[in-house]
C-alpha atoms as a PDB file:
ATOM      1  CA  MET A   1      19.877   4.141  -8.302  1.00  0.00           C
ATOM      2  CA  LEU A   2      17.967   0.849  -8.262  1.00  0.00           C
ATOM      3  CA  LEU A   3      15.202   2.218  -6.045  1.00  0.00           C
ATOM      4  CA  ASN A   4      13.487   3.953  -8.955  1.00  0.00           C
ATOM      5  CA  ALA A   5      14.519   1.452 -11.619  1.00  0.00           C
ATOM      6  CA  PRO A   6      11.876  -0.569 -13.447  1.00  0.00           C
ATOM      7  CA  PRO A   7      11.400  -4.165 -12.170  1.00  0.00           C
ATOM      8  CA  GLN A   8      13.266  -5.682 -15.137  1.00  0.00           C
ATOM      9  CA  THR A   9      16.384  -3.659 -14.254  1.00  0.00           C
ATOM     10  CA  ILE A  10      16.150  -4.627 -10.580  1.00  0.00           C
ATOM     11  CA  ALA A  11      15.786  -8.315 -11.413  1.00  0.00           C
ATOM     12  CA  ALA A  12      18.656  -8.211 -13.892  1.00  0.00           C
ATOM     13  CA  ALA A  13      20.962  -6.601 -11.319  1.00  0.00           C
ATOM     14  CA  ALA A  14      20.042  -9.013  -8.522  1.00  0.00           C
ATOM     15  CA  ASP A  15      21.916 -12.088  -7.486  1.00  0.00           C
ATOM     16  CA  CYS A  16      18.800 -13.691  -6.012  1.00  0.00           C
ATOM     17  CA  PRO A  17      16.917 -15.611  -8.700  1.00  0.00           C
ATOM     18  CA  PHE A  18      13.676 -15.253  -6.711  1.00  0.00           C
ATOM     19  CA  LEU A  19      13.561 -11.452  -6.638  1.00  0.00           C
ATOM     20  CA  PRO A  20      11.011 -11.262  -9.489  1.00  0.00           C
ATOM     21  CA  HIS A  21       8.728 -13.549  -7.429  1.00  0.00           C
ATOM     22  CA  CYS A  22       9.246 -11.926  -4.030  1.00  0.00           C
ATOM     23  CA  ARG A  23       5.847 -10.768  -2.804  1.00  0.00           C
ATOM     24  CA  LEU A  24       7.454  -8.917   0.083  1.00  0.00           C
ATOM     25  CA  LEU A  25       9.259  -6.491  -2.207  1.00  0.00           C
ATOM     26  CA  ALA A  26       6.727  -6.541  -5.031  1.00  0.00           C
ATOM     27  CA  SER A  27       3.663  -5.672  -2.992  1.00  0.00           C
ATOM     28  CA  GLU A  28       3.979  -5.606   0.771  1.00  0.00           C
ATOM     29  CA  LEU A  29       6.730  -2.966   0.912  1.00  0.00           C
ATOM     30  CA  THR A  30       5.752  -0.790  -2.060  1.00  0.00           C
ATOM     31  CA  ARG A  31       4.567   1.957   0.276  1.00  0.00           C
ATOM     32  CA  ARG A  32       7.880   1.843   2.148  1.00  0.00           C
ATOM     33  CA  PRO A  33      10.516   2.245  -0.577  1.00  0.00           C
ATOM     34  CA  LEU A  34      13.395   3.000   1.810  1.00  0.00           C
ATOM     35  CA  ILE A  35      12.782  -0.179   3.790  1.00  0.00           C
ATOM     36  CA  ALA A  36      12.344  -2.140   0.549  1.00  0.00           C
ATOM     37  CA  ARG A  37      15.681  -0.821  -0.703  1.00  0.00           C
ATOM     38  CA  VAL A  38      17.454  -1.797   2.526  1.00  0.00           C
ATOM     39  CA  TYR A  39      16.002  -5.311   2.352  1.00  0.00           C
ATOM     40  CA  ARG A  40      16.863  -5.622  -1.346  1.00  0.00           C
ATOM     41  CA  ASP A  41      20.417  -4.351  -0.856  1.00  0.00           C
ATOM     42  CA  THR A  42      21.003  -6.573   2.190  1.00  0.00           C
ATOM     43  CA  PHE A  43      19.273  -9.795   1.211  1.00  0.00           C
ATOM     44  CA  CYS A  44      18.719  -9.810  -2.570  1.00  0.00           C
ATOM     45  CA  LEU A  45      21.863  -8.294  -4.004  1.00  0.00           C
ATOM     46  CA  GLU A  46      25.439  -9.314  -3.342  1.00  0.00           C
ATOM     47  CA  GLY A  47      24.618 -13.004  -2.975  1.00  0.00           C
ATOM     48  CA  GLY A  48      21.663 -12.852  -0.585  1.00  0.00           C
ATOM     49  CA  LEU A  49      22.336 -16.265   0.879  1.00  0.00           C
ATOM     50  CA  SER A  50      21.158 -15.371   4.383  1.00  0.00           C
ATOM     51  CA  CYS A  51      17.542 -14.704   3.355  1.00  0.00           C
ATOM     52  CA  GLY A  52      14.875 -16.862   4.974  1.00  0.00           C
ATOM     53  CA  ARG A  53      12.525 -16.242   2.048  1.00  0.00           C
ATOM     54  CA  ARG A  54      15.155 -17.459  -0.415  1.00  0.00           C
ATOM     55  CA  MET A  55      15.839 -20.513   1.738  1.00  0.00           C
ATOM     56  CA  VAL A  56      12.176 -21.568   1.533  1.00  0.00           C
ATOM     57  CA  ALA A  57      11.880 -20.657  -2.163  1.00  0.00           C
ATOM     58  CA  GLU A  58      14.922 -22.762  -3.067  1.00  0.00           C
ATOM     59  CA  GLN A  59      13.571 -25.846  -1.337  1.00  0.00           C
ATOM     60  CA  LEU A  60       9.813 -25.580  -1.918  1.00  0.00           C
ATOM     61  CA  GLY A  61       9.377 -23.013  -4.671  1.00  0.00           C
ATOM     62  CA  PRO A  62       8.606 -19.279  -4.496  1.00  0.00           C
ATOM     63  CA  GLU A  63       4.849 -19.912  -4.279  1.00  0.00           C
ATOM     64  CA  CYS A  64       5.364 -21.665  -0.899  1.00  0.00           C
ATOM     65  CA  VAL A  65       7.054 -18.762   0.888  1.00  0.00           C
ATOM     66  CA  PRO A  66       4.809 -17.687   3.786  1.00  0.00           C
ATOM     67  CA  PRO A  67       3.653 -14.072   3.325  1.00  0.00           C
ATOM     68  CA  GLY A  68       4.732 -13.036   6.839  1.00  0.00           C
ATOM     69  CA  LEU A  69       8.262 -14.418   6.504  1.00  0.00           C
ATOM     70  CA  PHE A  70      10.831 -11.633   6.437  1.00  0.00           C
ATOM     71  CA  PRO A  71      14.326 -12.058   4.989  1.00  0.00           C
ATOM     72  CA  GLY A  72      16.067 -12.040   8.355  1.00  0.00           C
ATOM     73  CA  HIS A  73      13.833 -14.758   9.830  1.00  0.00           C
ATOM     74  CA  LEU A  74      16.232 -17.645   9.225  1.00  0.00           C
ATOM     75  CA  GLY A  75      15.140 -19.550  12.314  1.00  0.00           C
ATOM     76  CA  THR A  76      11.495 -19.293  11.315  1.00  0.00           C
ATOM     77  CA  ALA A  77      12.370 -20.454   7.791  1.00  0.00           C
ATOM     78  CA  LYS A  78      14.257 -23.471   9.150  1.00  0.00           C
ATOM     79  CA  ARG A  79      11.336 -24.404  11.428  1.00  0.00           C
ATOM     80  CA  PHE A  80       8.908 -23.996   8.532  1.00  0.00           C
ATOM     81  CA  LEU A  81      11.029 -26.250   6.320  1.00  0.00           C
ATOM     82  CA  ALA A  82      11.373 -28.835   9.083  1.00  0.00           C
ATOM     83  CA  GLY A  83       7.597 -29.079   9.268  1.00  0.00           C
ATOM     84  CA  ALA A  84       7.026 -29.090   5.513  1.00  0.00           C
END
């Protein structure tokens, strides 16, 4: 199971190229592994094209992703990019 896998294994199995840089999964959700796994399975693996964090990272770089932006916040990501 990927939940207990080391970070290198998780990154290698992911379709999202920004997973190794995702602060949400790397730090903010470490105390909530079940929620982190749901986010990772839904937004990072299997393509992950509907992730607001990925949308910002692709256009501005992973260092520009706002810390409070969650994967499902596509509208917020679009507004953020419009103002960038």
